[in-house]
């Protein structure tokens, strides 16, 4: 390996170190904002799921009450035709 390859590798590692340092500086400055944003997202999701559960419970209760209170249509049984009648099957005698 020649000195040119070594110089290129050292330059590459220097650039990586600078990028890493800049990333750490940016994270150090904006870390509280990022943390608050993530926490706010969790809180919003928790509150929204709770509200959906409460609204769903009330709507289910109202639907059940409506179904119980409303007048149901009367079902009139139709008379059986002679063709539809079947002879009952004989049960085998038990010993």
PDB file of N, CA and C in Angstrom:
ATOM      1  N   UNK A   1       0.856  -1.162   0.000  1.00  0.00           N
ATOM      2  CA  UNK A   1       0.000   0.000   0.000  1.00  0.00           C
ATOM      3  C   UNK A   1       0.909   1.235   0.000  1.00  0.00           C
ATOM      4  N   UNK A   2       0.650   2.083  -0.946  1.00  0.00           N
ATOM      5  CA  UNK A   2       1.485   3.275  -1.096  1.00  0.00           C
ATOM      6  C   UNK A   2       1.014   4.415  -0.211  1.00  0.00           C
ATOM      7  N   UNK A   3       1.782   5.485  -0.248  1.00  0.00           N
ATOM      8  CA  UNK A   3       1.457   6.627   0.611  1.00  0.00           C
ATOM      9  C   UNK A   3       0.199   7.343   0.138  1.00  0.00           C
ATOM     10  N   UNK A   4      -0.129   7.211  -1.175  1.00  0.00           N
ATOM     11  CA  UNK A   4      -1.351   7.855  -1.668  1.00  0.00           C
ATOM     12  C   UNK A   4      -2.601   7.188  -1.077  1.00  0.00           C
ATOM     13  N   UNK A   5      -2.590   5.861  -1.044  1.00  0.00           N
ATOM     14  CA  UNK A   5      -3.733   5.146  -0.470  1.00  0.00           C
ATOM     15  C   UNK A   5      -3.884   5.452   1.018  1.00  0.00           C
ATOM     16  N   UNK A   6      -2.751   5.538   1.721  1.00  0.00           N
ATOM     17  CA  UNK A   6      -2.791   5.860   3.146  1.00  0.00           C
ATOM     18  C   UNK A   6      -3.338   7.267   3.354  1.00  0.00           C
ATOM     19  N   UNK A   7      -2.922   8.206   2.511  1.00  0.00           N
ATOM     20  CA  UNK A   7      -3.406   9.586   2.623  1.00  0.00           C
ATOM     21  C   UNK A   7      -4.906   9.654   2.348  1.00  0.00           C
ATOM     22  N   UNK A   8      -5.375   8.891   1.353  1.00  0.00           N
ATOM     23  CA  UNK A   8      -6.808   8.881   1.038  1.00  0.00           C
ATOM     24  C   UNK A   8      -7.599   8.288   2.207  1.00  0.00           C
ATOM     25  N   UNK A   9      -7.101   7.197   2.795  1.00  0.00           N
ATOM     26  CA  UNK A   9      -7.776   6.595   3.944  1.00  0.00           C
ATOM     27  C   UNK A   9      -7.810   7.547   5.138  1.00  0.00           C
ATOM     28  N   UNK A  10      -6.690   8.229   5.403  1.00  0.00           N
ATOM     29  CA  UNK A  10      -6.663   9.194   6.507  1.00  0.00           C
ATOM     30  C   UNK A  10      -7.636  10.345   6.260  1.00  0.00           C
ATOM     31  N   UNK A  11      -7.700  10.814   5.014  1.00  0.00           N
ATOM     32  CA  UNK A  11      -8.644  11.882   4.672  1.00  0.00           C
ATOM     33  C   UNK A  11     -10.087  11.398   4.841  1.00  0.00           C
ATOM     34  N   UNK A  12     -10.352  10.156   4.425  1.00  0.00           N
ATOM     35  CA  UNK A  12     -11.692   9.585   4.577  1.00  0.00           C
ATOM     36  C   UNK A  12     -12.079   9.488   6.054  1.00  0.00           C
ATOM     37  N   UNK A  13     -11.155   8.998   6.899  1.00  0.00           N
ATOM     38  CA  UNK A  13     -11.437   8.906   8.333  1.00  0.00           C
ATOM     39  C   UNK A  13     -11.598  10.280   8.968  1.00  0.00           C
ATOM     40  N   UNK A  14     -10.845  11.276   8.485  1.00  0.00           N
ATOM     41  CA  UNK A  14     -10.981  12.639   8.989  1.00  0.00           C
ATOM     42  C   UNK A  14     -12.355  13.210   8.641  1.00  0.00           C
ATOM     43  N   UNK A  15     -12.814  12.953   7.414  1.00  0.00           N
ATOM     44  CA  UNK A  15     -14.148  13.419   7.003  1.00  0.00           C
ATOM     45  C   UNK A  15     -15.219  12.725   7.840  1.00  0.00           C
ATOM     46  N   UNK A  16     -15.073  11.412   8.057  1.00  0.00           N
ATOM     47  CA  UNK A  16     -16.036  10.691   8.894  1.00  0.00           C
ATOM     48  C   UNK A  16     -16.053  11.226  10.321  1.00  0.00           C
ATOM     49  N   UNK A  17     -14.895  11.555  10.870  1.00  0.00           N
ATOM     50  CA  UNK A  17     -14.832  12.096  12.226  1.00  0.00           C
ATOM     51  C   UNK A  17     -15.507  13.464  12.287  1.00  0.00           C
ATOM     52  N   UNK A  18     -15.312  14.288  11.259  1.00  0.00           N
ATOM     53  CA  UNK A  18     -15.966  15.606  11.226  1.00  0.00           C
ATOM     54  C   UNK A  18     -17.481  15.463  11.127  1.00  0.00           C
ATOM     55  N   UNK A  19     -17.939  14.552  10.282  1.00  0.00           N
ATOM     56  CA  UNK A  19     -19.383  14.333  10.148  1.00  0.00           C
ATOM     57  C   UNK A  19     -19.957  13.816  11.466  1.00  0.00           C
ATOM     58  N   UNK A  20     -19.270  12.896  12.124  1.00  0.00           N
ATOM     59  CA  UNK A  20     -19.726  12.389  13.416  1.00  0.00           C
ATOM     60  C   UNK A  20     -19.766  13.478  14.473  1.00  0.00           C
ATOM     61  N   UNK A  21     -18.742  14.343  14.493  1.00  0.00           N
ATOM     62  CA  UNK A  21     -18.717  15.433  15.469  1.00  0.00           C
ATOM     63  C   UNK A  21     -19.853  16.417  15.211  1.00  0.00           C
ATOM     64  N   UNK A  22     -20.094  16.750  13.951  1.00  0.00           N
ATOM     65  CA  UNK A  22     -21.209  17.651  13.624  1.00  0.00           C
ATOM     66  C   UNK A  22     -22.545  17.029  14.020  1.00  0.00           C
ATOM     67  N   UNK A  23     -22.682  15.731  13.808  1.00  0.00           N
ATOM     68  CA  UNK A  23     -23.915  15.045  14.195  1.00  0.00           C
ATOM     69  C   UNK A  23     -24.118  15.111  15.705  1.00  0.00           C
ATOM     70  N   UNK A  24     -23.051  14.885  16.458  1.00  0.00           N
ATOM     71  CA  UNK A  24     -23.163  14.966  17.916  1.00  0.00           C
ATOM     72  C   UNK A  24     -23.491  16.381  18.382  1.00  0.00           C
ATOM     73  N   UNK A  25     -22.914  17.383  17.743  1.00  0.00           N
ATOM     74  CA  UNK A  25     -23.210  18.771  18.118  1.00  0.00           C
ATOM     75  C   UNK A  25     -24.675  19.097  17.838  1.00  0.00           C
ATOM     76  N   UNK A  26     -25.155  18.675  16.678  1.00  0.00           N
ATOM     77  CA  UNK A  26     -26.559  18.936  16.324  1.00  0.00           C
ATOM     78  C   UNK A  26     -27.486  18.187  17.273  1.00  0.00           C
ATOM     79  N   UNK A  27     -27.164  16.926  17.575  1.00  0.00           N
ATOM     80  CA  UNK A  27     -27.993  16.160  18.508  1.00  0.00           C
ATOM     81  C   UNK A  27     -27.970  16.773  19.903  1.00  0.00           C
ATOM     82  N   UNK A  28     -26.804  17.280  20.316  1.00  0.00           N
ATOM     83  CA  UNK A  28     -26.708  17.897  21.642  1.00  0.00           C
ATOM     84  C   UNK A  28     -27.596  19.132  21.725  1.00  0.00           C
ATOM     85  N   UNK A  29     -27.653  19.892  20.654  1.00  0.00           N
ATOM     86  CA  UNK A  29     -28.464  21.112  20.661  1.00  0.00           C
ATOM     87  C   UNK A  29     -29.954  20.812  20.541  1.00  0.00           C
ATOM     88  N   UNK A  30     -30.311  19.827  19.726  1.00  0.00           N
ATOM     89  CA  UNK A  30     -31.720  19.574  19.431  1.00  0.00           C
ATOM     90  C   UNK A  30     -32.279  18.340  20.123  1.00  0.00           C
ATOM     91  N   UNK A  31     -31.509  17.696  20.996  1.00  0.00           N
ATOM     92  CA  UNK A  31     -31.973  16.483  21.654  1.00  0.00           C
ATOM     93  C   UNK A  31     -33.217  16.712  22.511  1.00  0.00           C
ATOM     94  N   UNK A  32     -33.281  17.785  23.307  1.00  0.00           N
ATOM     95  CA  UNK A  32     -34.516  18.001  24.081  1.00  0.00           C
ATOM     96  C   UNK A  32     -35.747  18.196  23.199  1.00  0.00           C
ATOM     97  N   UNK A  33     -35.590  18.880  22.088  1.00  0.00           N
ATOM     98  CA  UNK A  33     -36.724  19.098  21.177  1.00  0.00           C
ATOM     99  C   UNK A  33     -37.176  17.773  20.574  1.00  0.00           C
ATOM    100  N   UNK A  34     -36.220  16.939  20.183  1.00  0.00           N
ATOM    101  CA  UNK A  34     -36.554  15.636  19.606  1.00  0.00           C
ATOM    102  C   UNK A  34     -37.249  14.765  20.652  1.00  0.00           C
ATOM    103  N   UNK A  35     -36.726  14.803  21.891  1.00  0.00           N
ATOM    104  CA  UNK A  35     -37.316  14.007  22.966  1.00  0.00           C
ATOM    105  C   UNK A  35     -38.733  14.463  23.278  1.00  0.00           C
ATOM    106  N   UNK A  36     -38.947  15.769  23.326  1.00  0.00           N
ATOM    107  CA  UNK A  36     -40.284  16.302  23.595  1.00  0.00           C
ATOM    108  C   UNK A  36     -41.239  15.940  22.459  1.00  0.00           C
ATOM    109  N   UNK A  37     -40.762  15.977  21.230  1.00  0.00           N
ATOM    110  CA  UNK A  37     -41.608  15.598  20.091  1.00  0.00           C
ATOM    111  C   UNK A  37     -42.041  14.145  20.156  1.00  0.00           C
ATOM    112  N   UNK A  38     -41.118  13.260  20.495  1.00  0.00           N
ATOM    113  CA  UNK A  38     -41.455  11.837  20.603  1.00  0.00           C
ATOM    114  C   UNK A  38     -42.427  11.606  21.756  1.00  0.00           C
ATOM    115  N   UNK A  39     -42.191  12.267  22.889  1.00  0.00           N
ATOM    116  CA  UNK A  39     -43.092  12.136  24.032  1.00  0.00           C
ATOM    117  C   UNK A  39     -44.481  12.674  23.700  1.00  0.00           C
ATOM    118  N   UNK A  40     -44.533  13.801  23.000  1.00  0.00           N
ATOM    119  CA  UNK A  40     -45.831  14.368  22.604  1.00  0.00           C
ATOM    120  C   UNK A  40     -46.567  13.427  21.661  1.00  0.00           C
ATOM    121  N   UNK A  41     -45.841  12.773  20.771  1.00  0.00           N
ATOM    122  CA  UNK A  41     -46.466  11.822  19.854  1.00  0.00           C
ATOM    123  C   UNK A  41     -47.078  10.652  20.626  1.00  0.00           C
ATOM    124  N   UNK A  42     -46.360  10.136  21.628  1.00  0.00           N
ATOM    125  CA  UNK A  42     -46.903   9.053  22.447  1.00  0.00           C
ATOM    126  C   UNK A  42     -48.143   9.500  23.211  1.00  0.00           C
ATOM    127  N   UNK A  43     -48.110  10.717  23.748  1.00  0.00           N
ATOM    128  CA  UNK A  43     -49.259  11.224  24.500  1.00  0.00           C
ATOM    129  C   UNK A  43     -50.466  11.396  23.587  1.00  0.00           C
ATOM    130  N   UNK A  44     -50.252  11.931  22.398  1.00  0.00           N
ATOM    131  CA  UNK A  44     -51.358  12.123  21.449  1.00  0.00           C
ATOM    132  C   UNK A  44     -51.960  10.778  21.056  1.00  0.00           C
ATOM    133  N   UNK A  45     -51.123   9.779  20.816  1.00  0.00           N
ATOM    134  CA  UNK A  45     -51.629   8.449  20.449  1.00  0.00           C
ATOM    135  C   UNK A  45     -52.419   7.843  21.608  1.00  0.00           C
ATOM    136  N   UNK A  46     -51.927   7.995  22.840  1.00  0.00           N
ATOM    137  CA  UNK A  46     -52.631   7.436  23.999  1.00  0.00           C
ATOM    138  C   UNK A  46     -53.980   8.119  24.205  1.00  0.00           C
ATOM    139  N   UNK A  47     -54.016   9.445  24.107  1.00  0.00           N
ATOM    140  CA  UNK A  47     -55.274  10.173  24.305  1.00  0.00           C
ATOM    141  C   UNK A  47     -56.264   9.841  23.195  1.00  0.00           C
ATOM    142  N   UNK A  48     -55.787   9.766  21.959  1.00  0.00           N
ATOM    143  CA  UNK A  48     -56.689   9.458  20.845  1.00  0.00           C
ATOM    144  C   UNK A  48     -57.263   8.051  20.979  1.00  0.00           C
ATOM    145  N   UNK A  49     -56.450   7.084  21.365  1.00  0.00           N
ATOM    146  CA  UNK A  49     -56.977   5.722  21.516  1.00  0.00           C
ATOM    147  C   UNK A  49     -57.970   5.649  22.674  1.00  0.00           C
ATOM    148  N   UNK A  50     -57.716   6.384  23.760  1.00  0.00           N
ATOM    149  CA  UNK A  50     -58.660   6.417  24.878  1.00  0.00           C
ATOM    150  C   UNK A  50     -59.986   7.034  24.445  1.00  0.00           C
ATOM    151  N   UNK A  51     -59.927   8.145  23.723  1.00  0.00           N
ATOM    152  CA  UNK A  51     -61.159   8.790  23.258  1.00  0.00           C
ATOM    153  C   UNK A  51     -61.929   7.891  22.297  1.00  0.00           C
ATOM    154  N   UNK A  52     -61.218   7.201  21.416  1.00  0.00           N
ATOM    155  CA  UNK A  52     -61.893   6.278  20.498  1.00  0.00           C
ATOM    156  C   UNK A  52     -62.571   5.147  21.263  1.00  0.00           C
ATOM    157  N   UNK A  53     -61.921   4.647  22.301  1.00  0.00           N
ATOM    158  CA  UNK A  53     -62.524   3.573  23.097  1.00  0.00           C
ATOM    159  C   UNK A  53     -63.772   4.071  23.820  1.00  0.00           C
ATOM    160  N   UNK A  54     -63.717   5.282  24.382  1.00  0.00           N
ATOM    161  CA  UNK A  54     -64.875   5.825  25.101  1.00  0.00           C
ATOM    162  C   UNK A  54     -66.031   6.075  24.147  1.00  0.00           C
ATOM    163  N   UNK A  55     -65.745   6.694  23.001  1.00  0.00           N
ATOM    164  CA  UNK A  55     -66.805   6.963  22.019  1.00  0.00           C
ATOM    165  C   UNK A  55     -67.390   5.652  21.502  1.00  0.00           C
ATOM    166  N   UNK A  56     -66.548   4.667  21.247  1.00  0.00           N
ATOM    167  CA  UNK A  56     -67.039   3.367  20.790  1.00  0.00           C
ATOM    168  C   UNK A  56     -67.919   2.686  21.815  1.00  0.00           C
ATOM    169  N   UNK A  57     -67.561   2.813  23.085  1.00  0.00           N
ATOM    170  CA  UNK A  57     -68.386   2.219  24.145  1.00  0.00           C
ATOM    171  C   UNK A  57     -69.761   2.867  24.206  1.00  0.00           C
ATOM    172  N   UNK A  58     -69.793   4.200  24.154  1.00  0.00           N
ATOM    173  CA  UNK A  58     -71.080   4.893  24.198  1.00  0.00           C
ATOM    174  C   UNK A  58     -71.927   4.591  22.969  1.00  0.00           C
ATOM    175  N   UNK A  59     -71.308   4.535  21.796  1.00  0.00           N
ATOM    176  CA  UNK A  59     -72.080   4.218  20.594  1.00  0.00           C
ATOM    177  C   UNK A  59     -72.619   2.792  20.647  1.00  0.00           C
ATOM    178  N   UNK A  60     -71.841   1.876  21.188  1.00  0.00           N
ATOM    179  CA  UNK A  60     -72.325   0.502  21.339  1.00  0.00           C
ATOM    180  C   UNK A  60     -73.509   0.447  22.300  1.00  0.00           C
ATOM    181  N   UNK A  61     -73.409   1.185  23.405  1.00  0.00           N
ATOM    182  CA  UNK A  61     -74.518   1.206  24.366  1.00  0.00           C
ATOM    183  C   UNK A  61     -75.767   1.822  23.742  1.00  0.00           C
ATOM    184  N   UNK A  62     -75.608   2.920  23.020  1.00  0.00           N
ATOM    185  CA  UNK A  62     -76.765   3.547  22.371  1.00  0.00           C
ATOM    186  C   UNK A  62     -77.382   2.627  21.320  1.00  0.00           C
ATOM    187  N   UNK A  63     -76.546   1.934  20.564  1.00  0.00           N
ATOM    188  CA  UNK A  63     -77.066   0.991  19.579  1.00  0.00           C
ATOM    189  C   UNK A  63     -77.818  -0.154  20.222  1.00  0.00           C
ATOM    190  N   UNK A  64     -77.316  -0.646  21.339  1.00  0.00           N
ATOM    191  CA  UNK A  64     -78.015  -1.727  22.048  1.00  0.00           C
ATOM    192  C   UNK A  64     -79.359  -1.255  22.586  1.00  0.00           C
ATOM    193  N   UNK A  65     -79.380  -0.041  23.143  1.00  0.00           N
ATOM    194  CA  UNK A  65     -80.644   0.502  23.661  1.00  0.00           C
ATOM    195  C   UNK A  65     -81.638   0.707  22.525  1.00  0.00           C
ATOM    196  N   UNK A  66     -81.177   1.241  21.410  1.00  0.00           N
ATOM    197  CA  UNK A  66     -82.070   1.467  20.269  1.00  0.00           C
ATOM    198  C   UNK A  66     -82.632   0.144  19.758  1.00  0.00           C
ATOM    199  N   UNK A  67     -81.792  -0.876  19.672  1.00  0.00           N
ATOM    200  CA  UNK A  67     -82.244  -2.174  19.183  1.00  0.00           C
ATOM    201  C   UNK A  67     -83.257  -2.790  20.141  1.00  0.00           C
ATOM    202  N   UNK A  68     -83.062  -2.577  21.454  1.00  0.00           N
ATOM    203  CA  UNK A  68     -83.982  -3.149  22.438  1.00  0.00           C
ATOM    204  C   UNK A  68     -85.315  -2.405  22.466  1.00  0.00           C
ATOM    205  N   UNK A  69     -85.301  -1.098  22.184  1.00  0.00           N
ATOM    206  CA  UNK A  69     -86.507  -0.288  22.321  1.00  0.00           C
ATOM    207  C   UNK A  69     -87.361  -0.285  21.057  1.00  0.00           C
ATOM    208  N   UNK A  70     -86.740  -0.330  19.902  1.00  0.00           N
ATOM    209  CA  UNK A  70     -87.523  -0.177  18.664  1.00  0.00           C
ATOM    210  C   UNK A  70     -88.486  -1.346  18.478  1.00  0.00           C
ATOM    211  N   UNK A  71     -89.568  -1.065  17.766  1.00  0.00           N
ATOM    212  CA  UNK A  71     -90.599  -2.082  17.561  1.00  0.00           C
ATOM    213  C   UNK A  71     -90.129  -3.050  16.480  1.00  0.00           C
ATOM    214  N   UNK A  72     -90.154  -4.304  16.806  1.00  0.00           N
ATOM    215  CA  UNK A  72     -89.718  -5.316  15.845  1.00  0.00           C
ATOM    216  C   UNK A  72     -90.930  -5.791  15.050  1.00  0.00           C
ATOM    217  N   UNK A  73     -90.760  -6.059  13.772  1.00  0.00           N
ATOM    218  CA  UNK A  73     -91.893  -6.549  12.983  1.00  0.00           C
ATOM    219  C   UNK A  73     -92.314  -7.942  13.451  1.00  0.00           C
ATOM    220  N   UNK A  74     -93.604  -8.158  13.409  1.00  0.00           N
ATOM    221  CA  UNK A  74     -94.134  -9.438  13.853  1.00  0.00           C
ATOM    222  C   UNK A  74     -93.973 -10.460  12.729  1.00  0.00           C
ATOM    223  N   UNK A  75     -93.461 -11.605  13.066  1.00  0.00           N
ATOM    224  CA  UNK A  75     -93.253 -12.651  12.072  1.00  0.00           C
ATOM    225  C   UNK A  75     -94.405 -13.637  12.187  1.00  0.00           C
ATOM    226  N   UNK A  76     -95.149 -13.769  11.092  1.00  0.00           N
ATOM    227  CA  UNK A  76     -96.279 -14.702  11.075  1.00  0.00           C
ATOM    228  C   UNK A  76     -95.786 -16.000  10.451  1.00  0.00           C
ATOM    229  N   UNK A  77     -95.882 -17.109  11.178  1.00  0.00           N
ATOM    230  CA  UNK A  77     -95.416 -18.366  10.594  1.00  0.00           C
ATOM    231  C   UNK A  77     -96.350 -18.817   9.477  1.00  0.00           C
ATOM    232  N   UNK A  78     -95.754 -19.309   8.425  1.00  0.00           N
ATOM    233  CA  UNK A  78     -96.579 -19.795   7.314  1.00  0.00           C
ATOM    234  C   UNK A  78     -97.004 -21.233   7.617  1.00  0.00           C
ATOM    235  N   UNK A  79     -98.191 -21.596   7.200  1.00  0.00           N
ATOM    236  CA  UNK A  79     -98.641 -22.971   7.463  1.00  0.00           C
ATOM    237  C   UNK A  79     -97.804 -23.973   6.672  1.00  0.00           C
ATOM    238  N   UNK A  80     -97.622 -25.142   7.243  1.00  0.00           N
ATOM    239  CA  UNK A  80     -96.818 -26.166   6.598  1.00  0.00           C
ATOM    240  C   UNK A  80     -97.653 -26.870   5.526  1.00  0.00           C
ATOM    241  N   UNK A  81     -97.026 -27.082   4.401  1.00  0.00           N
ATOM    242  CA  UNK A  81     -97.712 -27.809   3.334  1.00  0.00           C
ATOM    243  C   UNK A  81     -97.547 -29.301   3.555  1.00  0.00           C
ATOM    244  N   UNK A  82     -98.432 -30.020   2.972  1.00  0.00           N
ATOM    245  CA  UNK A  82     -98.396 -31.467   3.139  1.00  0.00           C
ATOM    246  C   UNK A  82     -97.142 -32.059   2.501  1.00  0.00           C
ATOM    247  N   UNK A  83     -96.671 -31.422   1.407  1.00  0.00           N
ATOM    248  CA  UNK A  83     -95.473 -31.948   0.732  1.00  0.00           C
ATOM    249  C   UNK A  83     -94.222 -31.753   1.592  1.00  0.00           C
ATOM    250  N   UNK A  84     -94.231 -30.732   2.429  1.00  0.00           N
ATOM    251  CA  UNK A  84     -93.053 -30.446   3.250  1.00  0.00           C
ATOM    252  C   UNK A  84     -93.013 -31.288   4.521  1.00  0.00           C
ATOM    253  N   UNK A  85     -94.118 -31.889   4.869  1.00  0.00           N
ATOM    254  CA  UNK A  85     -94.168 -32.677   6.103  1.00  0.00           C
ATOM    255  C   UNK A  85     -93.392 -33.969   5.914  1.00  0.00           C
ATOM    256  N   UNK A  86     -92.660 -34.360   6.934  1.00  0.00           N
ATOM    257  CA  UNK A  86     -91.899 -35.602   6.876  1.00  0.00           C
ATOM    258  C   UNK A  86     -92.350 -36.509   8.004  1.00  0.00           C
ATOM    259  N   UNK A  87     -92.188 -37.770   7.759  1.00  0.00           N
ATOM    260  CA  UNK A  87     -92.503 -38.740   8.801  1.00  0.00           C
ATOM    261  C   UNK A  87     -91.356 -38.729   9.807  1.00  0.00           C
ATOM    262  N   UNK A  88     -91.640 -38.745  11.079  1.00  0.00           N
ATOM    263  CA  UNK A  88     -90.546 -38.792  12.067  1.00  0.00           C
ATOM    264  C   UNK A  88     -89.812 -40.119  11.968  1.00  0.00           C
ATOM    265  N   UNK A  89     -88.497 -40.021  12.116  1.00  0.00           N
ATOM    266  CA  UNK A  89     -87.695 -41.245  12.056  1.00  0.00           C
ATOM    267  C   UNK A  89     -87.924 -42.044  13.332  1.00  0.00           C
ATOM    268  N   UNK A  90     -87.980 -43.351  13.153  1.00  0.00           N
ATOM    269  CA  UNK A  90     -88.188 -44.206  14.319  1.00  0.00           C
ATOM    270  C   UNK A  90     -86.879 -44.340  15.082  1.00  0.00           C
ATOM    271  N   UNK A  91     -86.963 -44.182  16.381  1.00  0.00           N
ATOM    272  CA  UNK A  91     -85.771 -44.310  17.206  1.00  0.00           C
ATOM    273  C   UNK A  91     -85.549 -45.786  17.498  1.00  0.00           C
ATOM    274  N   UNK A  92     -84.302 -46.221  17.463  1.00  0.00           N
ATOM    275  CA  UNK A  92     -84.042 -47.621  17.826  1.00  0.00           C
ATOM    276  C   UNK A  92     -84.330 -47.823  19.311  1.00  0.00           C
ATOM    277  N   UNK A  93     -84.889 -48.976  19.589  1.00  0.00           N
ATOM    278  CA  UNK A  93     -85.256 -49.264  20.976  1.00  0.00           C
ATOM    279  C   UNK A  93     -84.002 -49.456  21.817  1.00  0.00           C
ATOM    280  N   UNK A  94     -84.019 -48.822  22.965  1.00  0.00           N
ATOM    281  CA  UNK A  94     -82.867 -48.946  23.860  1.00  0.00           C
ATOM    282  C   UNK A  94     -83.068 -50.147  24.772  1.00  0.00           C
ATOM    283  N   UNK A  95     -82.020 -50.859  25.064  1.00  0.00           N
ATOM    284  CA  UNK A  95     -82.107 -52.037  25.920  1.00  0.00           C
ATOM    285  C   UNK A  95     -81.795 -51.700  27.334  1.00  0.00           C
TER     286      UNK A  95
END
